[in-house]
Amino acid sequence: MFNSAKALASHNLGGFLSGFESAEEAYNAIEGATVSALNTKGVTSGLFEEIVNVGGTEITVRGNVIDGVVRISDAFIPSARILP
């Protein structure tokens, strides 16, 4: 998901990712927060869009739950939530 500087910029995640040792570590944190939020809401299947808090940063996550497995298709910080 986070495989290039251009992708990071277009998803406004550059600053967020700098707090992690790797993009994989950041993805795992986003995935964990998303799974937790969806489990709390009892979501077991279907499309979702969820705002999750990861280390104080609110990230919008979109994806699908298939056979109980969360599949993230997109994660981003909307421009309106970025402080100058």
C-alpha atoms as a PDB file:
ATOM      1  CA  MET A   1       0.000   0.000   0.000  1.00  0.00           C
ATOM      2  CA  PHE A   2       2.781   2.453   0.909  1.00  0.00           C
ATOM      3  CA  ASN A   3       5.315   1.671  -1.764  1.00  0.00           C
ATOM      4  CA  SER A   4       6.352   5.062  -3.102  1.00  0.00           C
ATOM      5  CA  ALA A   5       6.876   8.660  -2.023  1.00  0.00           C
ATOM      6  CA  LYS A   6       4.225   9.724  -4.540  1.00  0.00           C
ATOM      7  CA  ALA A   7       1.656   7.352  -3.013  1.00  0.00           C
ATOM      8  CA  LEU A   8       2.470   8.633   0.460  1.00  0.00           C
ATOM      9  CA  ALA A   9       2.008  12.236  -0.615  1.00  0.00           C
ATOM     10  CA  SER A  10      -1.288  11.543  -2.375  1.00  0.00           C
ATOM     11  CA  HIS A  11      -2.590   9.811   0.774  1.00  0.00           C
ATOM     12  CA  ASN A  12      -1.173  12.472   3.127  1.00  0.00           C
ATOM     13  CA  LEU A  13       0.591   9.772   5.161  1.00  0.00           C
ATOM     14  CA  GLY A  14       4.190  10.964   4.903  1.00  0.00           C
ATOM     15  CA  GLY A  15       4.267  12.599   8.338  1.00  0.00           C
ATOM     16  CA  PHE A  16       2.399   9.700   9.922  1.00  0.00           C
ATOM     17  CA  LEU A  17       4.791   7.106   8.508  1.00  0.00           C
ATOM     18  CA  SER A  18       7.831   8.966   9.806  1.00  0.00           C
ATOM     19  CA  GLY A  19       6.846   7.776  13.294  1.00  0.00           C
ATOM     20  CA  PHE A  20       7.443   4.144  12.330  1.00  0.00           C
ATOM     21  CA  GLU A  21      10.554   2.183  11.461  1.00  0.00           C
ATOM     22  CA  SER A  22       8.999   0.876   8.251  1.00  0.00           C
ATOM     23  CA  ALA A  23       5.911   1.155   6.072  1.00  0.00           C
ATOM     24  CA  GLU A  24       5.094  -2.421   7.070  1.00  0.00           C
ATOM     25  CA  GLU A  25       5.072  -1.487  10.751  1.00  0.00           C
ATOM     26  CA  ALA A  26       2.752   1.459   9.986  1.00  0.00           C
ATOM     27  CA  TYR A  27       0.453  -0.781   7.949  1.00  0.00           C
ATOM     28  CA  ASN A  28       0.300  -3.314  10.782  1.00  0.00           C
ATOM     29  CA  ALA A  29      -0.677  -0.543  13.213  1.00  0.00           C
ATOM     30  CA  ILE A  30      -3.436   0.669  10.854  1.00  0.00           C
ATOM     31  CA  GLU A  31      -4.637  -2.881  10.293  1.00  0.00           C
ATOM     32  CA  GLY A  32      -4.724  -3.637  14.015  1.00  0.00           C
ATOM     33  CA  ALA A  33      -6.710  -0.491  14.791  1.00  0.00           C
ATOM     34  CA  THR A  34      -9.109  -1.244  11.946  1.00  0.00           C
ATOM     35  CA  VAL A  35      -9.692  -4.852  12.996  1.00  0.00           C
ATOM     36  CA  SER A  36     -10.305  -3.708  16.568  1.00  0.00           C
ATOM     37  CA  ALA A  37     -12.801  -1.015  15.491  1.00  0.00           C
ATOM     38  CA  LEU A  38     -14.702  -3.374  13.198  1.00  0.00           C
ATOM     39  CA  ASN A  39     -14.799  -6.128  15.835  1.00  0.00           C
ATOM     40  CA  THR A  40     -16.174  -3.644  18.374  1.00  0.00           C
ATOM     41  CA  LYS A  41     -18.949  -2.767  15.924  1.00  0.00           C
ATOM     42  CA  GLY A  42     -19.622  -6.410  15.120  1.00  0.00           C
ATOM     43  CA  VAL A  43     -18.754  -6.079  11.430  1.00  0.00           C
ATOM     44  CA  THR A  44     -18.134  -9.569  10.020  1.00  0.00           C
ATOM     45  CA  SER A  45     -18.637  -9.006   6.290  1.00  0.00           C
ATOM     46  CA  GLY A  46     -19.049  -6.323   3.657  1.00  0.00           C
ATOM     47  CA  LEU A  47     -17.543  -3.033   2.602  1.00  0.00           C
ATOM     48  CA  PHE A  48     -16.447  -0.547   5.220  1.00  0.00           C
ATOM     49  CA  GLU A  49     -15.089   2.949   5.708  1.00  0.00           C
ATOM     50  CA  GLU A  50     -13.789   3.560   9.191  1.00  0.00           C
ATOM     51  CA  ILE A  51     -11.850   6.350  10.871  1.00  0.00           C
ATOM     52  CA  VAL A  52      -9.282   4.849  13.234  1.00  0.00           C
ATOM     53  CA  ASN A  53      -6.895   6.499  15.644  1.00  0.00           C
ATOM     54  CA  VAL A  54      -3.323   5.260  15.390  1.00  0.00           C
ATOM     55  CA  GLY A  55      -0.894   6.908  17.781  1.00  0.00           C
ATOM     56  CA  GLY A  56      -2.978  10.066  17.926  1.00  0.00           C
ATOM     57  CA  THR A  57      -3.491  10.322  14.162  1.00  0.00           C
ATOM     58  CA  GLU A  58      -6.946   9.805  12.679  1.00  0.00           C
ATOM     59  CA  ILE A  59      -6.759   7.769   9.487  1.00  0.00           C
ATOM     60  CA  THR A  60      -9.635   6.935   7.167  1.00  0.00           C
ATOM     61  CA  VAL A  61      -9.518   3.293   6.135  1.00  0.00           C
ATOM     62  CA  ARG A  62     -11.607   1.650   3.416  1.00  0.00           C
ATOM     63  CA  GLY A  63     -11.884  -1.984   2.540  1.00  0.00           C
ATOM     64  CA  ASN A  64     -13.896  -5.165   2.696  1.00  0.00           C
ATOM     65  CA  VAL A  65     -14.414  -7.906   5.252  1.00  0.00           C
ATOM     66  CA  ILE A  66     -14.471 -11.257   3.454  1.00  0.00           C
ATOM     67  CA  ASP A  67     -15.107 -14.465   5.400  1.00  0.00           C
ATOM     68  CA  GLY A  68     -14.293 -12.550   8.589  1.00  0.00           C
ATOM     69  CA  VAL A  69     -10.935 -11.320   7.264  1.00  0.00           C
ATOM     70  CA  VAL A  70     -10.340  -7.557   7.021  1.00  0.00           C
ATOM     71  CA  ARG A  71      -8.912  -6.536   3.653  1.00  0.00           C
ATOM     72  CA  ILE A  72      -7.740  -2.920   3.520  1.00  0.00           C
ATOM     73  CA  SER A  73      -7.913  -1.315   0.106  1.00  0.00           C
ATOM     74  CA  ASP A  74      -7.082   2.291   0.994  1.00  0.00           C
ATOM     75  CA  ALA A  75      -5.849   4.337   3.942  1.00  0.00           C
ATOM     76  CA  PHE A  76      -5.447   8.097   3.981  1.00  0.00           C
ATOM     77  CA  ILE A  77      -5.675  11.307   5.951  1.00  0.00           C
ATOM     78  CA  PRO A  78      -8.135  13.693   4.269  1.00  0.00           C
ATOM     79  CA  SER A  79      -6.616  17.096   3.527  1.00  0.00           C
ATOM     80  CA  ALA A  80      -9.170  18.759   5.814  1.00  0.00           C
ATOM     81  CA  ARG A  81      -7.669  16.951   8.848  1.00  0.00           C
ATOM     82  CA  ILE A  82      -4.066  18.013   8.224  1.00  0.00           C
ATOM     83  CA  LEU A  83      -2.921  20.831  10.461  1.00  0.00           C
ATOM     84  CA  PRO A  84      -0.691  23.520   8.938  1.00  0.00           C
END
